[in-house]
Amino acid sequence: MKRRYTIFLASTFAAAALVAACTTGGSSAPQNKMSFFITSANPGKGGDFGGLAGADRYCQSLAESVGAGGRSWRAYLSTTATAGSPAVNARDRIGNGPWVNVKGVTIAKNLDELHGTNNLDKQTGLTEKGEIVSASGDPVNNHDILTGSMPDGRASTDTSKDTTCGNWTKSGEGSAIVGHHNRMGTNAPPAAMSWNSSHATPGCSLEAFRKTGGAGLMYCFAAN
């Protein structure tokens, strides 16, 4: 009788342990809830992301690498009109918000706030890994973030110059509009404090981006 009781207890404890494993250790951790980040690196070809579709795929892949791939990610990039297609505005690609960084800090509640008084700066503009992007005063200055956009989040209508690295297909000659994620700069305000439209780059290569304090990074937003 004692042996049967011992076996019963052992079986009970084993079943309890199995249930605990299934309800705790056996389940995956909660998915990353972030809906905004700055890319931690450029994919390697400067301003050539393979167009908007390639830039979106890159945002998606970085989000997936940190467990946030359940959303539809979009690069905050505009493109200018060509003979075969109309302009595309960055603000029209990213949903309606709200957007939070990897730490759960709200960047903006909606599009109006994002393009008005938002909460984006060096401390909140984190990468998908939760890292601060270096800026002026740091050993490496990467405060230039590619957008190809005007302050209102729309594409430039000035077709006399390149503002989007050939609609994100150029890695050499050309130019693109960048913003300052740290909201600081030497150019005249308000451009110096603009997160999305501060100045143009002197080229579309990684070497050209570095001349004004950039690494070919971009903003990624969850559109849903």
N, C-alpha and C. Protein backbone atom coordinates (compact mmCIF):
# COMPACT_ATOMS: atom_id res chain seq x y z
N MET A 1 0.83 -1.20 0.00
CA MET A 1 0.00 0.00 0.00
C MET A 1 0.87 1.25 0.00
N LYS A 2 1.90 1.19 0.80
CA LYS A 2 2.81 2.35 0.87
C LYS A 2 3.48 2.58 -0.47
N ARG A 3 3.85 1.47 -1.17
CA ARG A 3 4.51 1.60 -2.47
C ARG A 3 3.56 2.23 -3.49
N ARG A 4 2.28 1.78 -3.44
CA ARG A 4 1.30 2.36 -4.36
C ARG A 4 1.12 3.85 -4.12
N TYR A 5 1.11 4.25 -2.86
CA TYR A 5 0.93 5.67 -2.51
C TYR A 5 2.11 6.49 -3.01
N THR A 6 3.32 5.92 -2.88
CA THR A 6 4.52 6.61 -3.35
C THR A 6 4.48 6.80 -4.86
N ILE A 7 4.05 5.77 -5.58
CA ILE A 7 3.95 5.86 -7.03
C ILE A 7 2.92 6.91 -7.43
N PHE A 8 1.80 6.95 -6.71
CA PHE A 8 0.74 7.92 -6.98
C PHE A 8 1.26 9.35 -6.82
N LEU A 9 1.99 9.58 -5.71
CA LEU A 9 2.53 10.92 -5.47
C LEU A 9 3.51 11.32 -6.56
N ALA A 10 4.37 10.38 -6.97
CA ALA A 10 5.35 10.66 -8.00
C ALA A 10 4.66 11.02 -9.31
N SER A 11 3.59 10.29 -9.61
CA SER A 11 2.85 10.56 -10.85
C SER A 11 2.19 11.92 -10.79
N THR A 12 1.65 12.26 -9.64
CA THR A 12 0.98 13.55 -9.45
C THR A 12 1.95 14.71 -9.62
N PHE A 13 3.13 14.58 -9.00
CA PHE A 13 4.14 15.64 -9.11
C PHE A 13 4.63 15.77 -10.55
N ALA A 14 4.78 14.66 -11.24
CA ALA A 14 5.24 14.70 -12.63
C ALA A 14 4.22 15.41 -13.51
N ALA A 15 2.93 15.12 -13.28
CA ALA A 15 1.88 15.77 -14.06
C ALA A 15 1.85 17.26 -13.79
N ALA A 16 2.01 17.63 -12.53
CA ALA A 16 2.01 19.04 -12.16
C ALA A 16 3.17 19.77 -12.81
N ALA A 17 4.32 19.10 -12.82
CA ALA A 17 5.50 19.72 -13.44
C ALA A 17 5.29 19.92 -14.92
N LEU A 18 4.62 18.94 -15.57
CA LEU A 18 4.37 19.04 -17.00
C LEU A 18 3.43 20.19 -17.30
N VAL A 19 2.40 20.35 -16.49
CA VAL A 19 1.45 21.46 -16.66
C VAL A 19 2.16 22.78 -16.48
N ALA A 20 3.02 22.87 -15.47
CA ALA A 20 3.75 24.12 -15.21
C ALA A 20 4.66 24.47 -16.38
N ALA A 21 5.29 23.45 -16.95
CA ALA A 21 6.18 23.69 -18.08
C ALA A 21 5.41 24.20 -19.28
N CYS A 22 4.20 23.65 -19.47
CA CYS A 22 3.39 24.07 -20.62
C CYS A 22 2.85 25.49 -20.46
N THR A 23 2.57 25.87 -19.21
CA THR A 23 1.96 27.18 -18.98
C THR A 23 2.96 28.29 -18.72
N THR A 24 4.23 27.92 -18.46
CA THR A 24 5.24 28.96 -18.20
C THR A 24 6.37 28.85 -19.18
N GLY A 25 7.33 27.97 -18.87
CA GLY A 25 8.52 27.86 -19.70
C GLY A 25 8.23 27.42 -21.11
N GLY A 26 7.13 26.67 -21.32
CA GLY A 26 6.84 26.20 -22.65
C GLY A 26 6.24 27.24 -23.56
N SER A 27 5.77 28.36 -23.03
CA SER A 27 5.16 29.41 -23.86
C SER A 27 6.19 30.45 -24.22
N SER A 28 6.00 31.11 -25.37
CA SER A 28 6.94 32.13 -25.80
C SER A 28 6.74 33.42 -25.03
N ALA A 29 7.78 34.24 -24.99
CA ALA A 29 7.69 35.51 -24.30
C ALA A 29 6.75 36.44 -25.07
N PRO A 30 6.13 37.41 -24.39
CA PRO A 30 5.23 38.34 -25.07
C PRO A 30 5.94 39.03 -26.23
N GLN A 31 5.25 39.16 -27.34
CA GLN A 31 5.86 39.77 -28.52
C GLN A 31 6.17 41.24 -28.26
N ASN A 32 7.27 41.68 -28.83
CA ASN A 32 7.68 43.08 -28.74
C ASN A 32 6.54 43.98 -29.23
N LYS A 33 6.13 44.95 -28.43
CA LYS A 33 5.00 45.81 -28.77
C LYS A 33 5.40 47.11 -29.44
N MET A 34 6.67 47.30 -29.73
CA MET A 34 7.08 48.57 -30.32
C MET A 34 6.44 48.77 -31.69
N SER A 35 6.25 50.03 -32.05
CA SER A 35 5.68 50.36 -33.36
C SER A 35 6.48 51.46 -34.05
N PHE A 36 7.67 51.72 -33.54
CA PHE A 36 8.57 52.72 -34.13
C PHE A 36 10.00 52.38 -33.76
N PHE A 37 10.92 52.55 -34.70
CA PHE A 37 12.34 52.47 -34.38
C PHE A 37 13.16 53.12 -35.48
N ILE A 38 14.40 53.42 -35.15
CA ILE A 38 15.38 53.85 -36.15
C ILE A 38 16.24 52.65 -36.47
N THR A 39 16.52 52.43 -37.74
CA THR A 39 17.32 51.26 -38.11
C THR A 39 18.69 51.31 -37.46
N SER A 40 19.16 50.19 -36.99
CA SER A 40 20.45 50.14 -36.30
C SER A 40 21.62 50.22 -37.26
N ALA A 41 21.37 49.96 -38.55
CA ALA A 41 22.43 49.99 -39.55
C ALA A 41 21.83 50.16 -40.93
N ASN A 42 22.66 50.53 -41.88
CA ASN A 42 22.26 50.58 -43.28
C ASN A 42 22.52 49.20 -43.88
N PRO A 43 21.69 48.74 -44.81
CA PRO A 43 21.93 47.41 -45.39
C PRO A 43 23.20 47.30 -46.22
N GLY A 44 23.85 48.43 -46.51
CA GLY A 44 25.16 48.35 -47.14
C GLY A 44 25.33 49.06 -48.46
N LYS A 45 24.25 49.62 -49.02
CA LYS A 45 24.34 50.26 -50.33
C LYS A 45 23.92 51.73 -50.29
N GLY A 46 24.18 52.39 -49.19
CA GLY A 46 23.88 53.81 -49.09
C GLY A 46 22.42 54.11 -49.29
N GLY A 47 22.11 55.01 -50.26
CA GLY A 47 20.73 55.40 -50.51
C GLY A 47 19.96 54.45 -51.39
N ASP A 48 20.58 53.36 -51.80
CA ASP A 48 19.91 52.36 -52.63
C ASP A 48 19.33 51.26 -51.75
N PHE A 49 18.02 51.33 -51.53
CA PHE A 49 17.34 50.30 -50.76
C PHE A 49 16.55 49.35 -51.65
N GLY A 50 16.66 49.58 -52.97
CA GLY A 50 15.82 48.82 -53.87
C GLY A 50 14.42 49.41 -53.94
N GLY A 51 14.36 50.76 -53.85
CA GLY A 51 13.07 51.44 -53.86
C GLY A 51 12.34 51.31 -52.53
N LEU A 52 11.10 51.79 -52.50
CA LEU A 52 10.32 51.74 -51.27
C LEU A 52 10.06 50.30 -50.82
N ALA A 53 9.83 49.42 -51.78
CA ALA A 53 9.55 48.02 -51.41
C ALA A 53 10.74 47.40 -50.69
N GLY A 54 11.93 47.69 -51.17
CA GLY A 54 13.12 47.15 -50.52
C GLY A 54 13.34 47.74 -49.14
N ALA A 55 13.06 49.04 -49.00
CA ALA A 55 13.19 49.70 -47.70
C ALA A 55 12.19 49.12 -46.70
N ASP A 56 10.98 48.86 -47.16
CA ASP A 56 9.98 48.26 -46.29
C ASP A 56 10.40 46.87 -45.84
N ARG A 57 10.95 46.10 -46.77
CA ARG A 57 11.40 44.75 -46.40
C ARG A 57 12.51 44.80 -45.36
N TYR A 58 13.36 45.81 -45.49
CA TYR A 58 14.45 45.93 -44.51
C TYR A 58 13.90 46.26 -43.13
N CYS A 59 12.94 47.19 -43.07
CA CYS A 59 12.29 47.50 -41.79
C CYS A 59 11.64 46.24 -41.21
N GLN A 60 10.96 45.50 -42.05
CA GLN A 60 10.27 44.29 -41.60
C GLN A 60 11.26 43.28 -41.05
N SER A 61 12.38 43.11 -41.73
CA SER A 61 13.36 42.12 -41.29
C SER A 61 13.99 42.49 -39.96
N LEU A 62 14.26 43.78 -39.76
CA LEU A 62 14.82 44.21 -38.48
C LEU A 62 13.80 44.03 -37.35
N ALA A 63 12.54 44.33 -37.65
CA ALA A 63 11.49 44.13 -36.64
C ALA A 63 11.37 42.65 -36.28
N GLU A 64 11.41 41.80 -37.28
CA GLU A 64 11.32 40.36 -37.03
C GLU A 64 12.49 39.87 -36.19
N SER A 65 13.65 40.48 -36.35
CA SER A 65 14.84 40.04 -35.62
C SER A 65 14.72 40.26 -34.12
N VAL A 66 13.78 41.13 -33.71
CA VAL A 66 13.61 41.39 -32.27
C VAL A 66 12.20 41.03 -31.80
N GLY A 67 11.52 40.19 -32.57
CA GLY A 67 10.22 39.69 -32.13
C GLY A 67 9.05 40.61 -32.36
N ALA A 68 9.19 41.56 -33.29
CA ALA A 68 8.09 42.48 -33.57
C ALA A 68 7.62 42.34 -35.02
N GLY A 69 7.77 41.16 -35.58
CA GLY A 69 7.42 40.96 -36.98
C GLY A 69 5.95 40.75 -37.24
N GLY A 70 5.12 40.75 -36.20
CA GLY A 70 3.69 40.55 -36.39
C GLY A 70 2.98 41.77 -36.94
N ARG A 71 3.69 42.86 -37.10
CA ARG A 71 3.11 44.09 -37.66
C ARG A 71 3.58 44.28 -39.09
N SER A 72 2.90 45.19 -39.81
CA SER A 72 3.31 45.56 -41.16
C SER A 72 4.16 46.82 -41.07
N TRP A 73 5.45 46.67 -41.30
CA TRP A 73 6.38 47.78 -41.11
C TRP A 73 6.63 48.53 -42.41
N ARG A 74 6.73 49.86 -42.29
CA ARG A 74 6.96 50.72 -43.44
C ARG A 74 8.11 51.68 -43.15
N ALA A 75 8.93 51.92 -44.16
CA ALA A 75 9.99 52.91 -44.04
C ALA A 75 9.40 54.30 -44.20
N TYR A 76 9.83 55.23 -43.34
CA TYR A 76 9.36 56.61 -43.45
C TYR A 76 10.19 57.29 -44.54
N LEU A 77 9.80 57.05 -45.79
CA LEU A 77 10.49 57.61 -46.94
C LEU A 77 9.47 58.10 -47.95
N SER A 78 9.75 59.25 -48.55
CA SER A 78 8.93 59.76 -49.65
C SER A 78 9.64 59.48 -50.96
N THR A 79 8.87 59.46 -52.05
CA THR A 79 9.46 59.40 -53.39
C THR A 79 8.84 60.50 -54.24
N THR A 80 9.60 61.02 -55.17
CA THR A 80 9.12 62.09 -56.04
C THR A 80 8.47 61.52 -57.30
N ALA A 81 7.64 62.34 -57.93
CA ALA A 81 6.92 61.90 -59.11
C ALA A 81 7.86 61.65 -60.29
N THR A 82 7.56 60.64 -61.07
CA THR A 82 8.29 60.36 -62.30
C THR A 82 7.28 60.30 -63.44
N ALA A 83 7.78 60.09 -64.64
CA ALA A 83 6.88 60.04 -65.80
C ALA A 83 5.85 58.92 -65.67
N GLY A 84 6.22 57.87 -64.97
CA GLY A 84 5.32 56.73 -64.89
C GLY A 84 4.55 56.57 -63.60
N SER A 85 4.87 57.38 -62.60
CA SER A 85 4.19 57.20 -61.31
C SER A 85 4.15 58.51 -60.52
N PRO A 86 3.12 58.69 -59.69
CA PRO A 86 3.01 59.90 -58.88
C PRO A 86 3.94 59.85 -57.68
N ALA A 87 4.07 60.98 -57.01
CA ALA A 87 4.87 61.04 -55.80
C ALA A 87 4.20 60.21 -54.69
N VAL A 88 5.02 59.73 -53.77
CA VAL A 88 4.52 59.01 -52.60
C VAL A 88 5.00 59.75 -51.36
N ASN A 89 4.09 60.04 -50.46
CA ASN A 89 4.42 60.78 -49.24
C ASN A 89 4.68 59.84 -48.08
N ALA A 90 5.76 60.08 -47.36
CA ALA A 90 6.09 59.23 -46.22
C ALA A 90 4.95 59.15 -45.22
N ARG A 91 4.30 60.26 -44.97
CA ARG A 91 3.24 60.31 -43.96
C ARG A 91 2.04 59.45 -44.34
N ASP A 92 1.87 59.18 -45.62
CA ASP A 92 0.72 58.39 -46.06
C ASP A 92 0.97 56.89 -46.01
N ARG A 93 2.17 56.50 -45.59
CA ARG A 93 2.56 55.09 -45.66
C ARG A 93 2.56 54.38 -44.31
N ILE A 94 2.43 55.13 -43.23
CA ILE A 94 2.78 54.59 -41.92
C ILE A 94 1.60 54.38 -40.97
N GLY A 95 0.40 54.43 -41.48
CA GLY A 95 -0.76 54.24 -40.61
C GLY A 95 -1.12 55.51 -39.87
N ASN A 96 -1.88 55.36 -38.80
CA ASN A 96 -2.41 56.51 -38.07
C ASN A 96 -1.92 56.63 -36.64
N GLY A 97 -1.07 55.71 -36.19
CA GLY A 97 -0.56 55.77 -34.83
C GLY A 97 -1.54 55.14 -33.84
N PRO A 98 -1.23 55.21 -32.56
CA PRO A 98 -0.02 55.81 -31.97
C PRO A 98 1.21 54.93 -32.22
N TRP A 99 2.39 55.54 -31.99
CA TRP A 99 3.65 54.83 -32.18
C TRP A 99 4.49 54.92 -30.91
N VAL A 100 5.03 53.78 -30.50
CA VAL A 100 5.86 53.73 -29.30
C VAL A 100 7.19 53.08 -29.64
N ASN A 101 8.23 53.44 -28.89
CA ASN A 101 9.53 52.81 -29.12
C ASN A 101 9.61 51.49 -28.38
N VAL A 102 10.76 50.85 -28.45
CA VAL A 102 10.93 49.52 -27.87
C VAL A 102 10.72 49.50 -26.36
N LYS A 103 10.88 50.64 -25.72
CA LYS A 103 10.68 50.73 -24.27
C LYS A 103 9.26 51.14 -23.89
N GLY A 104 8.40 51.29 -24.90
CA GLY A 104 7.01 51.64 -24.63
C GLY A 104 6.75 53.13 -24.50
N VAL A 105 7.74 53.95 -24.81
CA VAL A 105 7.58 55.40 -24.73
C VAL A 105 6.89 55.90 -26.00
N THR A 106 5.84 56.69 -25.85
CA THR A 106 5.09 57.18 -26.99
C THR A 106 5.87 58.26 -27.74
N ILE A 107 6.02 58.04 -29.05
CA ILE A 107 6.66 59.03 -29.92
C ILE A 107 5.63 60.05 -30.39
N ALA A 108 4.47 59.57 -30.80
CA ALA A 108 3.38 60.43 -31.23
C ALA A 108 2.10 59.62 -31.22
N LYS A 109 0.98 60.30 -30.94
CA LYS A 109 -0.30 59.61 -30.87
C LYS A 109 -0.96 59.48 -32.23
N ASN A 110 -0.63 60.39 -33.14
CA ASN A 110 -1.26 60.37 -34.46
C ASN A 110 -0.39 61.15 -35.45
N LEU A 111 -0.83 61.23 -36.69
CA LEU A 111 -0.05 61.90 -37.73
C LEU A 111 0.13 63.39 -37.47
N ASP A 112 -0.90 64.04 -36.97
CA ASP A 112 -0.79 65.48 -36.69
C ASP A 112 0.26 65.74 -35.61
N GLU A 113 0.25 64.92 -34.57
CA GLU A 113 1.23 65.10 -33.50
C GLU A 113 2.63 64.76 -34.00
N LEU A 114 2.74 63.72 -34.82
CA LEU A 114 4.05 63.33 -35.35
C LEU A 114 4.66 64.46 -36.15
N HIS A 115 3.85 65.16 -36.92
CA HIS A 115 4.35 66.25 -37.75
C HIS A 115 4.13 67.61 -37.11
N GLY A 116 3.89 67.59 -35.81
CA GLY A 116 3.75 68.81 -35.03
C GLY A 116 4.70 68.77 -33.85
N THR A 117 4.14 68.67 -32.66
CA THR A 117 4.94 68.59 -31.44
C THR A 117 4.97 67.14 -30.96
N ASN A 118 5.99 66.42 -31.42
CA ASN A 118 6.09 65.01 -31.04
C ASN A 118 7.11 64.80 -29.94
N ASN A 119 7.33 63.55 -29.58
CA ASN A 119 8.24 63.22 -28.48
C ASN A 119 9.49 62.51 -28.98
N LEU A 120 9.91 62.85 -30.18
CA LEU A 120 11.08 62.20 -30.76
C LEU A 120 12.34 63.03 -30.51
N ASP A 121 13.33 62.41 -29.89
CA ASP A 121 14.63 63.05 -29.68
C ASP A 121 15.68 61.96 -29.52
N LYS A 122 16.87 62.34 -29.14
CA LYS A 122 17.95 61.36 -29.04
C LYS A 122 17.65 60.27 -28.02
N GLN A 123 16.97 60.60 -26.95
CA GLN A 123 16.70 59.63 -25.90
C GLN A 123 15.55 58.69 -26.23
N THR A 124 14.64 59.12 -27.07
CA THR A 124 13.48 58.29 -27.40
C THR A 124 13.57 57.66 -28.79
N GLY A 125 14.42 58.22 -29.66
CA GLY A 125 14.58 57.69 -31.00
C GLY A 125 15.52 56.50 -31.01
N LEU A 126 15.05 55.39 -30.47
CA LEU A 126 15.89 54.21 -30.29
C LEU A 126 15.84 53.27 -31.49
N THR A 127 16.85 52.43 -31.61
CA THR A 127 16.86 51.43 -32.66
C THR A 127 15.94 50.27 -32.28
N GLU A 128 15.80 49.32 -33.19
CA GLU A 128 14.99 48.13 -32.90
C GLU A 128 15.57 47.33 -31.74
N LYS A 129 16.86 47.53 -31.46
CA LYS A 129 17.52 46.83 -30.36
C LYS A 129 17.43 47.59 -29.04
N GLY A 130 16.83 48.78 -29.09
CA GLY A 130 16.73 49.59 -27.89
C GLY A 130 17.94 50.45 -27.63
N GLU A 131 18.77 50.63 -28.64
CA GLU A 131 20.00 51.41 -28.49
C GLU A 131 19.80 52.87 -28.90
N ILE A 132 20.53 53.76 -28.25
CA ILE A 132 20.52 55.18 -28.63
C ILE A 132 21.39 55.37 -29.86
N VAL A 133 20.90 56.15 -30.81
CA VAL A 133 21.67 56.44 -32.02
C VAL A 133 22.61 57.61 -31.73
N SER A 134 23.89 57.43 -32.02
CA SER A 134 24.88 58.46 -31.72
C SER A 134 24.57 59.75 -32.47
N ALA A 135 25.02 60.86 -31.91
CA ALA A 135 24.74 62.17 -32.51
C ALA A 135 25.88 63.13 -32.22
N SER A 136 25.66 64.40 -32.49
CA SER A 136 26.67 65.42 -32.27
C SER A 136 27.21 65.35 -30.85
N GLY A 137 28.53 65.39 -30.72
CA GLY A 137 29.16 65.31 -29.41
C GLY A 137 29.62 63.92 -29.04
N ASP A 138 29.10 62.90 -29.73
CA ASP A 138 29.53 61.53 -29.50
C ASP A 138 30.74 61.22 -30.38
N PRO A 139 31.48 60.17 -30.07
CA PRO A 139 32.63 59.81 -30.92
C PRO A 139 32.25 59.61 -32.38
N VAL A 140 31.04 59.09 -32.62
CA VAL A 140 30.52 58.93 -33.98
C VAL A 140 29.21 59.68 -34.08
N ASN A 141 29.06 60.45 -35.14
CA ASN A 141 27.86 61.27 -35.31
C ASN A 141 26.97 60.68 -36.41
N ASN A 142 25.84 60.09 -36.03
CA ASN A 142 24.92 59.49 -36.98
C ASN A 142 23.53 60.12 -36.88
N HIS A 143 23.48 61.43 -36.66
CA HIS A 143 22.18 62.06 -36.41
C HIS A 143 21.35 62.30 -37.66
N ASP A 144 21.93 62.19 -38.86
CA ASP A 144 21.18 62.35 -40.11
C ASP A 144 20.37 61.09 -40.41
N ILE A 145 19.05 61.24 -40.50
CA ILE A 145 18.18 60.11 -40.79
C ILE A 145 17.48 60.37 -42.12
N LEU A 146 17.60 59.45 -43.05
CA LEU A 146 17.04 59.60 -44.39
C LEU A 146 15.51 59.64 -44.36
N THR A 147 14.93 60.62 -45.09
CA THR A 147 13.47 60.69 -45.19
C THR A 147 13.00 61.07 -46.60
N GLY A 148 13.76 61.91 -47.30
CA GLY A 148 13.32 62.41 -48.60
C GLY A 148 12.05 63.23 -48.51
N SER A 149 11.82 63.85 -47.36
CA SER A 149 10.54 64.49 -47.10
C SER A 149 10.65 65.95 -46.67
N MET A 150 9.58 66.67 -46.87
CA MET A 150 9.43 68.02 -46.35
C MET A 150 8.93 67.93 -44.90
N PRO A 151 8.91 69.05 -44.17
CA PRO A 151 8.50 68.98 -42.76
C PRO A 151 7.11 68.38 -42.53
N ASP A 152 6.22 68.52 -43.51
CA ASP A 152 4.87 67.97 -43.34
C ASP A 152 4.78 66.49 -43.69
N GLY A 153 5.93 65.88 -44.03
CA GLY A 153 5.94 64.46 -44.33
C GLY A 153 5.61 64.12 -45.76
N ARG A 154 5.60 65.14 -46.62
CA ARG A 154 5.29 64.92 -48.03
C ARG A 154 6.55 65.07 -48.88
N ALA A 155 6.49 64.51 -50.08
CA ALA A 155 7.62 64.60 -51.01
C ALA A 155 7.81 66.03 -51.49
N SER A 156 9.03 66.38 -51.81
CA SER A 156 9.32 67.70 -52.38
C SER A 156 8.73 67.79 -53.78
N THR A 157 8.22 68.98 -54.12
CA THR A 157 7.69 69.20 -55.46
C THR A 157 8.73 69.87 -56.37
N ASP A 158 9.91 70.13 -55.84
CA ASP A 158 10.99 70.73 -56.62
C ASP A 158 11.70 69.62 -57.40
N THR A 159 11.39 69.52 -58.66
CA THR A 159 11.95 68.46 -59.49
C THR A 159 13.31 68.82 -60.09
N SER A 160 13.82 70.00 -59.74
CA SER A 160 15.11 70.41 -60.30
C SER A 160 16.29 69.76 -59.59
N LYS A 161 16.04 69.10 -58.48
CA LYS A 161 17.13 68.46 -57.75
C LYS A 161 16.64 67.14 -57.14
N ASP A 162 17.59 66.28 -56.91
CA ASP A 162 17.30 64.97 -56.33
C ASP A 162 17.15 65.13 -54.82
N THR A 163 16.04 64.66 -54.28
CA THR A 163 15.81 64.73 -52.84
C THR A 163 15.60 63.34 -52.23
N THR A 164 15.69 62.30 -53.06
CA THR A 164 15.38 60.95 -52.58
C THR A 164 16.37 59.89 -53.07
N CYS A 165 17.59 60.30 -53.41
CA CYS A 165 18.56 59.35 -53.96
C CYS A 165 17.94 58.52 -55.09
N GLY A 166 17.34 59.25 -56.04
CA GLY A 166 16.72 58.57 -57.17
C GLY A 166 15.61 57.63 -56.75
N ASN A 167 14.77 58.15 -55.81
CA ASN A 167 13.68 57.31 -55.26
C ASN A 167 14.22 56.01 -54.67
N TRP A 168 15.34 56.18 -53.96
CA TRP A 168 15.97 55.14 -53.14
C TRP A 168 16.52 53.99 -53.99
N THR A 169 17.17 54.41 -55.11
CA THR A 169 17.82 53.42 -55.98
C THR A 169 19.27 53.80 -56.28
N LYS A 170 19.78 54.89 -55.69
CA LYS A 170 21.14 55.35 -55.98
C LYS A 170 22.05 55.16 -54.77
N SER A 171 23.29 54.78 -55.05
CA SER A 171 24.28 54.63 -53.98
C SER A 171 25.54 55.44 -54.27
N GLY A 172 25.48 56.32 -55.27
CA GLY A 172 26.64 57.15 -55.61
C GLY A 172 26.24 58.60 -55.71
N GLU A 173 26.15 59.12 -56.93
CA GLU A 173 25.73 60.50 -57.11
C GLU A 173 24.25 60.65 -56.77
N GLY A 174 23.90 61.88 -56.40
CA GLY A 174 22.53 62.17 -56.02
C GLY A 174 22.49 62.85 -54.67
N SER A 175 21.31 62.92 -54.10
CA SER A 175 21.15 63.57 -52.80
C SER A 175 19.82 63.13 -52.20
N ALA A 176 19.70 63.30 -50.90
CA ALA A 176 18.44 62.99 -50.22
C ALA A 176 18.26 63.93 -49.03
N ILE A 177 17.02 64.24 -48.73
CA ILE A 177 16.71 65.04 -47.55
C ILE A 177 16.81 64.15 -46.31
N VAL A 178 17.42 64.69 -45.28
CA VAL A 178 17.52 63.98 -44.00
C VAL A 178 16.96 64.85 -42.88
N GLY A 179 16.58 64.20 -41.79
CA GLY A 179 16.19 64.91 -40.58
C GLY A 179 17.19 64.62 -39.48
N HIS A 180 17.10 65.37 -38.39
CA HIS A 180 17.99 65.18 -37.24
C HIS A 180 17.20 64.55 -36.09
N HIS A 181 17.47 63.30 -35.80
CA HIS A 181 16.71 62.63 -34.74
C HIS A 181 16.96 63.24 -33.37
N ASN A 182 18.10 63.91 -33.21
CA ASN A 182 18.42 64.53 -31.92
C ASN A 182 17.93 65.96 -31.80
N ARG A 183 17.30 66.47 -32.85
CA ARG A 183 16.69 67.80 -32.89
C ARG A 183 17.71 68.91 -32.65
N MET A 184 18.93 68.71 -33.13
CA MET A 184 19.98 69.70 -33.01
C MET A 184 20.76 69.78 -34.32
N GLY A 185 21.46 70.91 -34.54
CA GLY A 185 22.27 71.04 -35.73
C GLY A 185 22.83 72.43 -35.87
N THR A 186 23.72 72.61 -36.83
CA THR A 186 24.35 73.92 -37.04
C THR A 186 23.60 74.78 -38.04
N ASN A 187 22.70 74.18 -38.82
CA ASN A 187 21.93 74.98 -39.76
C ASN A 187 20.85 75.77 -39.01
N ALA A 188 20.30 76.77 -39.68
CA ALA A 188 19.37 77.69 -39.03
C ALA A 188 18.09 76.97 -38.60
N PRO A 189 17.56 77.30 -37.41
CA PRO A 189 16.29 76.74 -37.00
C PRO A 189 15.17 77.32 -37.88
N PRO A 190 14.04 76.65 -38.07
CA PRO A 190 13.69 75.38 -37.40
C PRO A 190 14.30 74.14 -38.03
N ALA A 191 14.98 74.30 -39.18
CA ALA A 191 15.53 73.11 -39.85
C ALA A 191 16.48 72.34 -38.95
N ALA A 192 17.26 73.04 -38.14
CA ALA A 192 18.23 72.37 -37.28
C ALA A 192 17.54 71.42 -36.30
N MET A 193 16.31 71.71 -35.94
CA MET A 193 15.60 70.89 -34.97
C MET A 193 14.61 69.94 -35.61
N SER A 194 14.59 69.89 -36.94
CA SER A 194 13.61 69.06 -37.64
C SER A 194 14.01 67.59 -37.64
N TRP A 195 13.13 66.75 -37.20
CA TRP A 195 13.40 65.31 -37.16
C TRP A 195 13.32 64.68 -38.54
N ASN A 196 12.63 65.36 -39.49
CA ASN A 196 12.42 64.73 -40.79
C ASN A 196 12.83 65.56 -42.00
N SER A 197 13.26 66.81 -41.80
CA SER A 197 13.59 67.64 -42.97
C SER A 197 14.56 68.74 -42.58
N SER A 198 15.81 68.37 -42.40
CA SER A 198 16.80 69.33 -41.95
C SER A 198 17.69 69.87 -43.07
N HIS A 199 18.20 68.98 -43.93
CA HIS A 199 19.07 69.42 -45.03
C HIS A 199 19.24 68.28 -46.04
N ALA A 200 19.95 68.56 -47.11
CA ALA A 200 20.24 67.55 -48.14
C ALA A 200 21.61 66.95 -47.92
N THR A 201 21.79 65.73 -48.37
CA THR A 201 23.10 65.08 -48.27
C THR A 201 23.95 65.45 -49.49
N PRO A 202 25.27 65.35 -49.38
CA PRO A 202 26.15 65.67 -50.51
C PRO A 202 26.33 64.51 -51.49
N GLY A 203 25.60 63.46 -51.34
CA GLY A 203 25.69 62.30 -52.21
C GLY A 203 24.81 61.20 -51.66
N CYS A 204 24.87 60.03 -52.26
CA CYS A 204 24.04 58.91 -51.83
C CYS A 204 24.83 57.69 -51.38
N SER A 205 26.15 57.82 -51.30
CA SER A 205 26.98 56.72 -50.81
C SER A 205 27.11 56.83 -49.29
N LEU A 206 27.53 55.75 -48.67
CA LEU A 206 27.76 55.79 -47.23
C LEU A 206 28.85 56.80 -46.88
N GLU A 207 29.85 56.93 -47.76
CA GLU A 207 30.92 57.91 -47.53
C GLU A 207 30.37 59.33 -47.56
N ALA A 208 29.47 59.60 -48.50
CA ALA A 208 28.86 60.93 -48.59
C ALA A 208 27.98 61.21 -47.38
N PHE A 209 27.25 60.23 -46.92
CA PHE A 209 26.39 60.42 -45.74
C PHE A 209 27.22 60.79 -44.52
N ARG A 210 28.38 60.15 -44.39
CA ARG A 210 29.22 60.41 -43.21
C ARG A 210 29.74 61.85 -43.17
N LYS A 211 29.83 62.50 -44.31
CA LYS A 211 30.35 63.88 -44.35
C LYS A 211 29.49 64.86 -43.57
N THR A 212 28.21 64.60 -43.49
CA THR A 212 27.33 65.52 -42.74
C THR A 212 26.79 64.89 -41.45
N GLY A 213 27.29 63.72 -41.11
CA GLY A 213 26.88 63.11 -39.84
C GLY A 213 25.78 62.09 -39.99
N GLY A 214 25.95 61.17 -40.92
CA GLY A 214 24.93 60.14 -41.12
C GLY A 214 25.51 58.79 -41.44
N ALA A 215 24.68 57.77 -41.32
CA ALA A 215 25.09 56.42 -41.63
C ALA A 215 24.07 55.71 -42.52
N GLY A 216 23.22 56.50 -43.17
CA GLY A 216 22.21 55.89 -44.03
C GLY A 216 21.11 55.20 -43.27
N LEU A 217 20.79 55.71 -42.07
CA LEU A 217 19.73 55.13 -41.26
C LEU A 217 18.37 55.71 -41.66
N MET A 218 17.30 55.04 -41.29
CA MET A 218 15.96 55.56 -41.59
C MET A 218 15.00 55.21 -40.45
N TYR A 219 13.86 55.88 -40.46
CA TYR A 219 12.80 55.62 -39.48
C TYR A 219 11.90 54.51 -40.01
N CYS A 220 11.49 53.61 -39.12
CA CYS A 220 10.53 52.58 -39.47
C CYS A 220 9.31 52.68 -38.55
N PHE A 221 8.13 52.61 -39.13
CA PHE A 221 6.88 52.72 -38.39
C PHE A 221 5.99 51.51 -38.68
N ALA A 222 5.28 51.05 -37.68
CA ALA A 222 4.28 50.01 -37.89
C ALA A 222 3.01 50.67 -38.41
N ALA A 223 2.52 50.17 -39.54
CA ALA A 223 1.35 50.77 -40.16
C ALA A 223 0.04 50.20 -39.62
N ASN A 224 0.14 49.18 -38.75
CA ASN A 224 -1.08 48.61 -38.18
C ASN A 224 -0.88 48.33 -36.69
